[in-house]
PDB file of N, CA and C in Angstrom:
ATOM      1  N   MET A   1     -31.546  32.069 -27.288  1.00  0.00           N
ATOM      2  CA  MET A   1     -32.726  32.670 -26.279  1.00  0.00           C
ATOM      3  C   MET A   1     -31.908  33.398 -25.362  1.00  0.00           C
ATOM      4  N   SER A   2     -32.337  34.690 -25.118  1.00  0.00           N
ATOM      5  CA  SER A   2     -31.932  35.484 -24.272  1.00  0.00           C
ATOM      6  C   SER A   2     -32.477  35.214 -22.802  1.00  0.00           C
ATOM      7  N   LEU A   3     -31.277  35.545 -22.021  1.00  0.00           N
ATOM      8  CA  LEU A   3     -31.823  35.256 -20.509  1.00  0.00           C
ATOM      9  C   LEU A   3     -32.181  36.898 -19.954  1.00  0.00           C
ATOM     10  N   GLY A   4     -32.144  37.449 -20.656  1.00  0.00           N
ATOM     11  CA  GLY A   4     -32.455  39.073 -20.242  1.00  0.00           C
ATOM     12  C   GLY A   4     -31.478  39.487 -19.200  1.00  0.00           C
ATOM     13  N   ILE A   5     -30.048  39.097 -19.120  1.00  0.00           N
ATOM     14  CA  ILE A   5     -29.273  39.771 -18.832  1.00  0.00           C
ATOM     15  C   ILE A   5     -28.118  40.526 -19.764  1.00  0.00           C
ATOM     16  N   ASP A   6     -27.919  41.772 -19.259  1.00  0.00           N
ATOM     17  CA  ASP A   6     -26.989  42.226 -20.546  1.00  0.00           C
ATOM     18  C   ASP A   6     -25.909  42.153 -20.088  1.00  0.00           C
ATOM     19  N   GLU A   7     -24.740  42.525 -20.778  1.00  0.00           N
ATOM     20  CA  GLU A   7     -23.141  42.371 -20.258  1.00  0.00           C
ATOM     21  C   GLU A   7     -23.002  42.989 -18.896  1.00  0.00           C
ATOM     22  N   GLY A   8     -23.701  44.262 -19.369  1.00  0.00           N
ATOM     23  CA  GLY A   8     -23.200  45.403 -17.691  1.00  0.00           C
ATOM     24  C   GLY A   8     -23.808  44.351 -16.499  1.00  0.00           C
ATOM     25  N   GLY A   9     -25.053  43.878 -16.721  1.00  0.00           N
ATOM     26  CA  GLY A   9     -25.563  42.971 -15.512  1.00  0.00           C
ATOM     27  C   GLY A   9     -24.567  42.006 -15.372  1.00  0.00           C
ATOM     28  N   LEU A  10     -24.537  41.290 -16.290  1.00  0.00           N
ATOM     29  CA  LEU A  10     -23.302  39.969 -16.061  1.00  0.00           C
ATOM     30  C   LEU A  10     -22.261  40.448 -15.161  1.00  0.00           C
ATOM     31  N   ILE A  11     -21.583  41.420 -15.418  1.00  0.00           N
ATOM     32  CA  ILE A  11     -20.364  42.040 -14.859  1.00  0.00           C
ATOM     33  C   ILE A  11     -20.667  42.600 -13.380  1.00  0.00           C
ATOM     34  N   GLY A  12     -21.562  43.230 -13.368  1.00  0.00           N
ATOM     35  CA  GLY A  12     -21.755  44.042 -12.222  1.00  0.00           C
ATOM     36  C   GLY A  12     -22.604  42.832 -11.211  1.00  0.00           C
ATOM     37  N   TYR A  13     -23.362  41.653 -11.295  1.00  0.00           N
ATOM     38  CA  TYR A  13     -23.820  40.388 -10.488  1.00  0.00           C
ATOM     39  C   TYR A  13     -23.053  40.159  -9.789  1.00  0.00           C
ATOM     40  N   GLU A  14     -23.553  40.383  -8.427  1.00  0.00           N
ATOM     41  CA  GLU A  14     -23.083  39.929  -7.076  1.00  0.00           C
ATOM     42  C   GLU A  14     -23.781  38.524  -6.482  1.00  0.00           C
ATOM     43  N   PRO A  15     -23.221  37.436  -6.203  1.00  0.00           N
ATOM     44  CA  PRO A  15     -23.581  36.273  -5.972  1.00  0.00           C
ATOM     45  C   PRO A  15     -24.398  36.717  -4.328  1.00  0.00           C
ATOM     46  N   LYS A  16     -25.401  35.771  -4.436  1.00  0.00           N
ATOM     47  CA  LYS A  16     -25.938  35.815  -3.234  1.00  0.00           C
ATOM     48  C   LYS A  16     -25.599  34.389  -2.114  1.00  0.00           C
ATOM     49  N   PRO A  17     -24.730  34.539  -1.246  1.00  0.00           N
ATOM     50  CA  PRO A  17     -24.352  33.586  -0.768  1.00  0.00           C
ATOM     51  C   PRO A  17     -25.614  32.556  -0.285  1.00  0.00           C
ATOM     52  N   GLY A  18     -26.656  32.864   0.346  1.00  0.00           N
ATOM     53  CA  GLY A  18     -27.407  32.221   0.702  1.00  0.00           C
ATOM     54  C   GLY A  18     -28.190  31.431  -0.310  1.00  0.00           C
ATOM     55  N   CYS A  19     -28.284  31.773  -1.810  1.00  0.00           N
ATOM     56  CA  CYS A  19     -28.741  31.339  -2.765  1.00  0.00           C
ATOM     57  C   CYS A  19     -28.001  30.118  -3.673  1.00  0.00           C
ATOM     58  N   GLN A  20     -26.536  30.707  -3.399  1.00  0.00           N
ATOM     59  CA  GLN A  20     -25.710  29.666  -3.733  1.00  0.00           C
ATOM     60  C   GLN A  20     -24.650  28.781  -2.750  1.00  0.00           C
ATOM     61  N   ALA A  21     -25.284  28.740  -1.844  1.00  0.00           N
ATOM     62  CA  ALA A  21     -24.007  27.764  -0.776  1.00  0.00           C
ATOM     63  C   ALA A  21     -24.132  26.654  -0.873  1.00  0.00           C
ATOM     64  N   TYR A  22     -25.719  25.909  -1.183  1.00  0.00           N
ATOM     65  CA  TYR A  22     -25.706  24.716  -1.550  1.00  0.00           C
ATOM     66  C   TYR A  22     -24.928  24.248  -2.682  1.00  0.00           C
ATOM     67  N   THR A  23     -25.269  24.864  -4.051  1.00  0.00           N
ATOM     68  CA  THR A  23     -24.782  24.331  -5.153  1.00  0.00           C
ATOM     69  C   THR A  23     -22.853  24.347  -5.021  1.00  0.00           C
ATOM     70  N   ALA A  24     -22.450  25.228  -3.960  1.00  0.00           N
ATOM     71  CA  ALA A  24     -20.834  25.380  -3.997  1.00  0.00           C
ATOM     72  C   ALA A  24     -20.839  24.311  -3.073  1.00  0.00           C
ATOM     73  N   PHE A  25     -21.271  23.830  -2.017  1.00  0.00           N
ATOM     74  CA  PHE A  25     -21.055  22.790  -0.979  1.00  0.00           C
ATOM     75  C   PHE A  25     -20.824  21.584  -1.709  1.00  0.00           C
ATOM     76  N   VAL A  26     -22.380  21.300  -2.457  1.00  0.00           N
ATOM     77  CA  VAL A  26     -21.853  20.016  -3.193  1.00  0.00           C
ATOM     78  C   VAL A  26     -20.939  20.121  -4.334  1.00  0.00           C
ATOM     79  N   SER A  27     -20.338  20.962  -4.919  1.00  0.00           N
ATOM     80  CA  SER A  27     -19.149  20.960  -5.776  1.00  0.00           C
ATOM     81  C   SER A  27     -18.292  20.571  -4.733  1.00  0.00           C
ATOM     82  N   TRP A  28     -18.061  21.206  -3.657  1.00  0.00           N
ATOM     83  CA  TRP A  28     -16.649  21.231  -2.716  1.00  0.00           C
ATOM     84  C   TRP A  28     -16.986  19.645  -2.455  1.00  0.00           C
ATOM     85  N   LEU A  29     -18.282  19.062  -2.154  1.00  0.00           N
ATOM     86  CA  LEU A  29     -18.181  17.765  -1.721  1.00  0.00           C
ATOM     87  C   LEU A  29     -17.821  16.753  -2.938  1.00  0.00           C
ATOM     88  N   ALA A  30     -18.020  17.066  -3.832  1.00  0.00           N
ATOM     89  CA  ALA A  30     -17.638  16.198  -4.927  1.00  0.00           C
ATOM     90  C   ALA A  30     -15.812  16.015  -5.301  1.00  0.00           C
ATOM     91  N   LEU A  31     -15.423  17.496  -4.914  1.00  0.00           N
ATOM     92  CA  LEU A  31     -13.990  17.332  -5.242  1.00  0.00           C
ATOM     93  C   LEU A  31     -13.368  16.742  -4.230  1.00  0.00           C
ATOM     94  N   ASN A  32     -13.636  16.959  -2.998  1.00  0.00           N
ATOM     95  CA  ASN A  32     -12.782  16.978  -1.800  1.00  0.00           C
ATOM     96  C   ASN A  32     -13.399  16.055  -0.936  1.00  0.00           C
ATOM     97  N   GLY A  33     -14.663  15.513  -0.717  1.00  0.00           N
ATOM     98  CA  GLY A  33     -15.383  14.810   0.138  1.00  0.00           C
ATOM     99  C   GLY A  33     -14.958  13.354  -0.190  1.00  0.00           C
ATOM    100  N   SER A  34     -14.936  12.713   1.441  1.00  0.00           N
ATOM    101  CA  SER A  34     -14.532  11.518   1.714  1.00  0.00           C
ATOM    102  C   SER A  34     -15.790  10.489   1.142  1.00  0.00           C
ATOM    103  N   ARG A  35     -15.869   9.155   0.979  1.00  0.00           N
ATOM    104  CA  ARG A  35     -16.608   8.528   0.801  1.00  0.00           C
ATOM    105  C   ARG A  35     -17.919   8.634   1.730  1.00  0.00           C
ATOM    106  N   ALA A  36     -17.499   8.559   3.071  1.00  0.00           N
ATOM    107  CA  ALA A  36     -18.891   8.789   4.200  1.00  0.00           C
ATOM    108  C   ALA A  36     -19.600  10.009   4.056  1.00  0.00           C
ATOM    109  N   GLU A  37     -18.546  11.242   3.912  1.00  0.00           N
ATOM    110  CA  GLU A  37     -18.775  12.275   4.167  1.00  0.00           C
ATOM    111  C   GLU A  37     -20.168  12.663   2.824  1.00  0.00           C
ATOM    112  N   LEU A  38     -19.725  11.985   1.537  1.00  0.00           N
ATOM    113  CA  LEU A  38     -20.662  12.043   0.293  1.00  0.00           C
ATOM    114  C   LEU A  38     -21.859  11.544   0.683  1.00  0.00           C
ATOM    115  N   ALA A  39     -21.632   9.831   1.124  1.00  0.00           N
ATOM    116  CA  ALA A  39     -23.155   9.048   1.065  1.00  0.00           C
ATOM    117  C   ALA A  39     -23.860   9.843   2.260  1.00  0.00           C
ATOM    118  N   LEU A  40     -23.512  10.198   3.624  1.00  0.00           N
ATOM    119  CA  LEU A  40     -24.370  10.674   4.376  1.00  0.00           C
ATOM    120  C   LEU A  40     -24.524  11.755   3.905  1.00  0.00           C
ATOM    121  N   ALA A  41     -24.099  12.553   3.703  1.00  0.00           N
ATOM    122  CA  ALA A  41     -24.524  14.108   3.077  1.00  0.00           C
ATOM    123  C   ALA A  41     -25.869  13.974   2.108  1.00  0.00           C
ATOM    124  N   PHE A  42     -25.587  12.999   1.124  1.00  0.00           N
ATOM    125  CA  PHE A  42     -26.645  12.776   0.230  1.00  0.00           C
ATOM    126  C   PHE A  42     -27.758  11.711   0.628  1.00  0.00           C
ATOM    127  N   LEU A  43     -27.373  11.222   1.925  1.00  0.00           N
ATOM    128  CA  LEU A  43     -28.327  10.440   2.074  1.00  0.00           C
ATOM    129  C   LEU A  43     -29.464  11.440   3.004  1.00  0.00           C
ATOM    130  N   ALA A  44     -28.939  11.993   4.108  1.00  0.00           N
ATOM    131  CA  ALA A  44     -29.805  13.364   4.571  1.00  0.00           C
ATOM    132  C   ALA A  44     -30.541  14.107   3.882  1.00  0.00           C
ATOM    133  N   ASN A  45     -29.615  14.845   2.829  1.00  0.00           N
ATOM    134  CA  ASN A  45     -29.769  15.307   2.093  1.00  0.00           C
ATOM    135  C   ASN A  45     -31.307  15.271   0.961  1.00  0.00           C
ATOM    136  N   LEU A  46     -31.112  13.799   0.690  1.00  0.00           N
ATOM    137  CA  LEU A  46     -32.452  13.418  -0.227  1.00  0.00           C
ATOM    138  C   LEU A  46     -33.359  13.150   0.578  1.00  0.00           C
ATOM    139  N   ALA A  47     -33.406  12.962   1.897  1.00  0.00           N
ATOM    140  CA  ALA A  47     -34.625  12.971   2.470  1.00  0.00           C
ATOM    141  C   ALA A  47     -35.480  14.081   2.591  1.00  0.00           C
ATOM    142  N   ALA A  48     -34.676  15.336   2.925  1.00  0.00           N
ATOM    143  CA  ALA A  48     -35.192  16.845   2.705  1.00  0.00           C
ATOM    144  C   ALA A  48     -35.819  16.889   1.508  1.00  0.00           C
ATOM    145  N   TRP A  49     -35.245  16.574   0.542  1.00  0.00           N
ATOM    146  CA  TRP A  49     -35.291  16.917  -0.822  1.00  0.00           C
ATOM    147  C   TRP A  49     -36.797  16.162  -1.075  1.00  0.00           C
ATOM    148  N   GLY A  50     -36.570  14.870  -0.881  1.00  0.00           N
ATOM    149  CA  GLY A  50     -37.990  14.419  -1.284  1.00  0.00           C
ATOM    150  C   GLY A  50     -39.179  14.724  -0.418  1.00  0.00           C
ATOM    151  N   GLU A  51     -39.109  15.185   0.469  1.00  0.00           N
ATOM    152  CA  GLU A  51     -40.070  15.512   1.609  1.00  0.00           C
ATOM    153  C   GLU A  51     -40.629  16.886   0.885  1.00  0.00           C
ATOM    154  N   ASN A  52     -39.436  17.890   0.504  1.00  0.00           N
ATOM    155  CA  ASN A  52     -40.023  19.063  -0.286  1.00  0.00           C
ATOM    156  C   ASN A  52     -40.482  18.725  -1.726  1.00  0.00           C
ATOM    157  N   CYS A  53     -40.286  17.766  -2.412  1.00  0.00           N
ATOM    158  CA  CYS A  53     -40.758  17.607  -3.717  1.00  0.00           C
ATOM    159  C   CYS A  53     -42.150  17.142  -3.537  1.00  0.00           C
ATOM    160  N   ARG A  54     -42.116  15.974  -2.347  1.00  0.00           N
ATOM    161  CA  ARG A  54     -43.887  15.563  -1.948  1.00  0.00           C
ATOM    162  C   ARG A  54     -45.072  16.691  -1.658  1.00  0.00           C
ATOM    163  N   ARG A  55     -44.329  17.617  -0.767  1.00  0.00           N
ATOM    164  CA  ARG A  55     -45.187  18.570  -0.319  1.00  0.00           C
ATOM    165  C   ARG A  55     -45.610  19.709  -1.690  1.00  0.00           C
ATOM    166  N   LEU A  56     -44.474  20.151  -2.513  1.00  0.00           N
ATOM    167  CA  LEU A  56     -44.788  21.094  -3.803  1.00  0.00           C
ATOM    168  C   LEU A  56     -45.646  19.984  -4.598  1.00  0.00           C
ATOM    169  N   ALA A  57     -45.543  18.598  -4.714  1.00  0.00           N
ATOM    170  CA  ALA A  57     -46.706  18.160  -5.996  1.00  0.00           C
ATOM    171  C   ALA A  57     -47.997  18.051  -5.276  1.00  0.00           C
ATOM    172  N   SER A  58     -47.898  18.120  -3.888  1.00  0.00           N
ATOM    173  CA  SER A  58     -49.662  17.803  -3.608  1.00  0.00           C
ATOM    174  C   SER A  58     -50.056  19.283  -3.572  1.00  0.00           C
ATOM    175  N   VAL A  59     -49.333  20.458  -3.832  1.00  0.00           N
ATOM    176  CA  VAL A  59     -49.711  22.006  -3.390  1.00  0.00           C
ATOM    177  C   VAL A  59     -50.344  22.328  -5.032  1.00  0.00           C
ATOM    178  N   LEU A  60     -49.462  21.485  -5.786  1.00  0.00           N
ATOM    179  CA  LEU A  60     -49.232  22.121  -7.427  1.00  0.00           C
ATOM    180  C   LEU A  60     -50.407  21.095  -8.082  1.00  0.00           C
ATOM    181  N   ARG A  61     -50.775  20.135  -7.642  1.00  0.00           N
ATOM    182  CA  ARG A  61     -51.522  18.927  -8.307  1.00  0.00           C
ATOM    183  C   ARG A  61     -52.900  19.488  -8.772  1.00  0.00           C
ATOM    184  N   GLY A  62     -53.221  19.206  -9.941  1.00  0.00           N
ATOM    185  CA  GLY A  62     -54.490  19.918 -10.754  1.00  0.00           C
ATOM    186  C   GLY A  62     -54.088  21.154 -11.218  1.00  0.00           C
ATOM    187  N   ARG A  63     -53.498  21.749 -10.788  1.00  0.00           N
ATOM    188  CA  ARG A  63     -53.498  22.971 -11.555  1.00  0.00           C
ATOM    189  C   ARG A  63     -51.801  23.234 -12.420  1.00  0.00           C
ATOM    190  N   TYR A  64     -50.724  22.240 -12.202  1.00  0.00           N
ATOM    191  CA  TYR A  64     -49.465  22.416 -12.720  1.00  0.00           C
ATOM    192  C   TYR A  64     -48.892  21.027 -13.185  1.00  0.00           C
ATOM    193  N   GLU A  65     -48.356  20.574 -14.331  1.00  0.00           N
ATOM    194  CA  GLU A  65     -47.677  19.359 -14.300  1.00  0.00           C
ATOM    195  C   GLU A  65     -46.974  19.382 -12.939  1.00  0.00           C
ATOM    196  N   THR A  66     -46.897  18.087 -12.055  1.00  0.00           N
ATOM    197  CA  THR A  66     -46.235  17.815 -11.109  1.00  0.00           C
ATOM    198  C   THR A  66     -45.374  16.568 -11.354  1.00  0.00           C
ATOM    199  N   SER A  67     -45.095  16.183 -12.354  1.00  0.00           N
ATOM    200  CA  SER A  67     -44.407  14.549 -12.665  1.00  0.00           C
ATOM    201  C   SER A  67     -42.776  14.510 -11.963  1.00  0.00           C
ATOM    202  N   PHE A  68     -42.212  15.860 -12.046  1.00  0.00           N
ATOM    203  CA  PHE A  68     -41.017  16.025 -11.870  1.00  0.00           C
ATOM    204  C   PHE A  68     -40.664  15.918 -10.260  1.00  0.00           C
ATOM    205  N   PHE A  69     -41.680  16.631  -9.518  1.00  0.00           N
ATOM    206  CA  PHE A  69     -41.916  16.449  -8.043  1.00  0.00           C
ATOM    207  C   PHE A  69     -42.350  15.142  -7.751  1.00  0.00           C
ATOM    208  N   GLU A  70     -43.165  14.230  -8.158  1.00  0.00           N
ATOM    209  CA  GLU A  70     -43.631  13.435  -7.834  1.00  0.00           C
ATOM    210  C   GLU A  70     -42.264  12.262  -8.211  1.00  0.00           C
ATOM    211  N   PHE A  71     -41.720  12.278  -9.213  1.00  0.00           N
ATOM    212  CA  PHE A  71     -40.367  11.365  -9.274  1.00  0.00           C
ATOM    213  C   PHE A  71     -39.418  11.557  -8.200  1.00  0.00           C
ATOM    214  N   PHE A  72     -39.124  12.773  -7.985  1.00  0.00           N
ATOM    215  CA  PHE A  72     -37.989  12.993  -6.873  1.00  0.00           C
ATOM    216  C   PHE A  72     -38.789  12.655  -5.234  1.00  0.00           C
ATOM    217  N   ALA A  73     -40.206  12.616  -5.421  1.00  0.00           N
ATOM    218  CA  ALA A  73     -40.550  12.504  -3.844  1.00  0.00           C
ATOM    219  C   ALA A  73     -40.325  11.258  -3.269  1.00  0.00           C
ATOM    220  N   GLU A  74     -39.850  10.145  -3.830  1.00  0.00           N
ATOM    221  CA  GLU A  74     -39.190   8.932  -3.316  1.00  0.00           C
ATOM    222  C   GLU A  74     -37.819   8.693  -3.360  1.00  0.00           C
ATOM    223  N   PRO A  75     -37.076   8.181  -2.550  1.00  0.00           N
ATOM    224  CA  PRO A  75     -35.773   8.000  -3.262  1.00  0.00           C
ATOM    225  C   PRO A  75     -35.929   6.866  -3.905  1.00  0.00           C
ATOM    226  N   ALA A  76     -34.650   6.359  -4.561  1.00  0.00           N
ATOM    227  CA  ALA A  76     -34.562   5.174  -5.243  1.00  0.00           C
ATOM    228  C   ALA A  76     -34.551   4.001  -4.569  1.00  0.00           C
ATOM    229  N   PRO A  77     -35.047   2.899  -5.022  1.00  0.00           N
ATOM    230  CA  PRO A  77     -35.327   1.700  -4.458  1.00  0.00           C
ATOM    231  C   PRO A  77     -33.694   1.408  -3.821  1.00  0.00           C
ATOM    232  N   GLY A  78     -33.703   1.088  -2.328  1.00  0.00           N
ATOM    233  CA  GLY A  78     -32.352   0.586  -2.072  1.00  0.00           C
ATOM    234  C   GLY A  78     -31.283   1.538  -1.724  1.00  0.00           C
ATOM    235  N   PHE A  79     -31.603   2.901  -2.195  1.00  0.00           N
ATOM    236  CA  PHE A  79     -30.634   3.978  -2.135  1.00  0.00           C
ATOM    237  C   PHE A  79     -29.909   4.126  -0.619  1.00  0.00           C
ATOM    238  N   ALA A  80     -30.595   4.316   0.582  1.00  0.00           N
ATOM    239  CA  ALA A  80     -30.939   4.042   1.920  1.00  0.00           C
ATOM    240  C   ALA A  80     -29.727   3.141   2.521  1.00  0.00           C
ATOM    241  N   GLU A  81     -29.462   1.904   1.593  1.00  0.00           N
ATOM    242  CA  GLU A  81     -28.626   0.826   1.845  1.00  0.00           C
ATOM    243  C   GLU A  81     -27.548   0.898   1.307  1.00  0.00           C
ATOM    244  N   LEU A  82     -27.396   1.097   0.151  1.00  0.00           N
ATOM    245  CA  LEU A  82     -26.501   1.416  -0.719  1.00  0.00           C
ATOM    246  C   LEU A  82     -25.790   2.911   0.020  1.00  0.00           C
ATOM    247  N   ALA A  83     -26.263   3.817   0.221  1.00  0.00           N
ATOM    248  CA  ALA A  83     -25.532   4.878   0.766  1.00  0.00           C
ATOM    249  C   ALA A  83     -24.603   4.059   2.192  1.00  0.00           C
ATOM    250  N   LEU A  84     -25.717   3.842   3.266  1.00  0.00           N
ATOM    251  CA  LEU A  84     -24.863   3.525   4.543  1.00  0.00           C
ATOM    252  C   LEU A  84     -23.909   2.341   4.068  1.00  0.00           C
ATOM    253  N   ALA A  85     -23.948   1.544   2.777  1.00  0.00           N
ATOM    254  CA  ALA A  85     -22.964   0.760   2.777  1.00  0.00           C
ATOM    255  C   ALA A  85     -21.620   1.325   2.392  1.00  0.00           C
ATOM    256  N   VAL A  86     -21.503   2.510   1.622  1.00  0.00           N
ATOM    257  CA  VAL A  86     -20.590   3.212   1.205  1.00  0.00           C
ATOM    258  C   VAL A  86     -19.755   4.068   2.181  1.00  0.00           C
ATOM    259  N   ALA A  87     -20.518   4.634   3.137  1.00  0.00           N
ATOM    260  CA  ALA A  87     -20.288   5.390   4.444  1.00  0.00           C
ATOM    261  C   ALA A  87     -19.310   4.096   5.400  1.00  0.00           C
ATOM    262  N   GLU A  88     -19.987   3.179   5.417  1.00  0.00           N
ATOM    263  CA  GLU A  88     -19.585   2.095   6.161  1.00  0.00           C
ATOM    264  C   GLU A  88     -18.013   1.851   5.831  1.00  0.00           C
ATOM    265  N   GLN A  89     -17.910   1.685   4.238  1.00  0.00           N
ATOM    266  CA  GLN A  89     -16.965   1.334   3.732  1.00  0.00           C
ATOM    267  C   GLN A  89     -15.751   2.786   3.789  1.00  0.00           C
ATOM    268  N   GLY A  90     -16.269   3.726   3.760  1.00  0.00           N
ATOM    269  CA  GLY A  90     -15.368   4.727   4.078  1.00  0.00           C
ATOM    270  C   GLY A  90     -14.639   4.873   5.435  1.00  0.00           C
ATOM    271  N   LEU A  91     -15.445   4.858   6.239  1.00  0.00           N
ATOM    272  CA  LEU A  91     -15.426   4.914   7.591  1.00  0.00           C
ATOM    273  C   LEU A  91     -14.463   3.958   8.180  1.00  0.00           C
ATOM    274  N   THR A  92     -14.718   2.742   7.580  1.00  0.00           N
ATOM    275  CA  THR A  92     -13.617   1.280   8.091  1.00  0.00           C
ATOM    276  C   THR A  92     -12.196   1.885   7.489  1.00  0.00           C
ATOM    277  N   ALA A  93     -12.414   2.326   6.049  1.00  0.00           N
ATOM    278  CA  ALA A  93     -11.057   2.571   5.773  1.00  0.00           C
ATOM    279  C   ALA A  93     -10.438   3.907   6.416  1.00  0.00           C
ATOM    280  N   GLY A  94     -11.019   4.881   7.278  1.00  0.00           N
ATOM    281  CA  GLY A  94     -10.556   5.809   8.201  1.00  0.00           C
ATOM    282  C   GLY A  94     -10.873   6.794   7.744  1.00  0.00           C
ATOM    283  N   ASP A  95     -11.828   7.121   6.795  1.00  0.00           N
ATOM    284  CA  ASP A  95     -12.950   8.239   7.202  1.00  0.00           C
ATOM    285  C   ASP A  95     -13.147   9.099   8.312  1.00  0.00           C
ATOM    286  N   SER A  96     -13.095  10.622   8.574  1.00  0.00           N
ATOM    287  CA  SER A  96     -13.336  10.871   9.793  1.00  0.00           C
ATOM    288  C   SER A  96     -14.929  11.173   9.751  1.00  0.00           C
ATOM    289  N   PRO A  97     -15.424  10.295  11.246  1.00  0.00           N
ATOM    290  CA  PRO A  97     -16.568  10.476  11.125  1.00  0.00           C
ATOM    291  C   PRO A  97     -17.073  11.974  11.598  1.00  0.00           C
ATOM    292  N   PRO A  98     -16.180  12.702  12.309  1.00  0.00           N
ATOM    293  CA  PRO A  98     -16.811  14.313  12.803  1.00  0.00           C
ATOM    294  C   PRO A  98     -16.933  15.247  11.165  1.00  0.00           C
ATOM    295  N   ARG A  99     -16.131  14.751  10.151  1.00  0.00           N
ATOM    296  CA  ARG A  99     -16.306  15.148   9.066  1.00  0.00           C
ATOM    297  C   ARG A  99     -17.660  14.862   8.539  1.00  0.00           C
ATOM    298  N   ALA A 100     -17.633  13.603   8.578  1.00  0.00           N
ATOM    299  CA  ALA A 100     -19.102  13.025   7.856  1.00  0.00           C
ATOM    300  C   ALA A 100     -20.659  13.452   8.484  1.00  0.00           C
ATOM    301  N   ARG A 101     -20.093  13.776   9.456  1.00  0.00           N
ATOM    302  CA  ARG A 101     -21.383  14.198  10.533  1.00  0.00           C
ATOM    303  C   ARG A 101     -21.466  15.680  10.267  1.00  0.00           C
ATOM    304  N   ARG A 102     -20.399  16.509   9.948  1.00  0.00           N
ATOM    305  CA  ARG A 102     -20.505  17.753   9.482  1.00  0.00           C
ATOM    306  C   ARG A 102     -21.308  17.823   8.176  1.00  0.00           C
ATOM    307  N   ALA A 103     -20.567  17.072   7.139  1.00  0.00           N
ATOM    308  CA  ALA A 103     -21.073  17.249   5.945  1.00  0.00           C
ATOM    309  C   ALA A 103     -22.716  16.922   5.689  1.00  0.00           C
ATOM    310  N   ALA A 104     -23.184  16.005   6.920  1.00  0.00           N
ATOM    311  CA  ALA A 104     -24.492  15.565   6.497  1.00  0.00           C
ATOM    312  C   ALA A 104     -25.226  16.607   6.960  1.00  0.00           C
ATOM    313  N   ARG A 105     -25.063  17.352   7.976  1.00  0.00           N
ATOM    314  CA  ARG A 105     -25.738  18.581   8.769  1.00  0.00           C
ATOM    315  C   ARG A 105     -25.729  19.834   7.802  1.00  0.00           C
ATOM    316  N   LEU A 106     -24.750  19.957   7.134  1.00  0.00           N
ATOM    317  CA  LEU A 106     -24.435  21.202   6.582  1.00  0.00           C
ATOM    318  C   LEU A 106     -25.175  20.946   5.092  1.00  0.00           C
ATOM    319  N   LEU A 107     -25.293  19.783   4.570  1.00  0.00           N
ATOM    320  CA  LEU A 107     -26.033  19.734   3.013  1.00  0.00           C
ATOM    321  C   LEU A 107     -27.417  19.446   3.497  1.00  0.00           C
TER     322      LEU A 107
END
């Protein structure tokens, strides 16, 4: 399957920071983040993600398949409680509260 990018286009590609910052930060958190940073960042992120999925599903319903968006519109049952428990464990073990707040804000 061709993606429509020839070798010259691939070599000349310039990443767009605004488009790739999210995935870069998620990768950085996965490699370097503390328990509190990861738990609080994804707790905040999944709330925004769920709201976006809910809005897209309502706009697209009736014209396109929306099961993907509907699935992610609500967090997994118990996710918030588990994420807060992991964050608390991390903070109790010495994870940095300012870094955890920053990770949640940035993600």
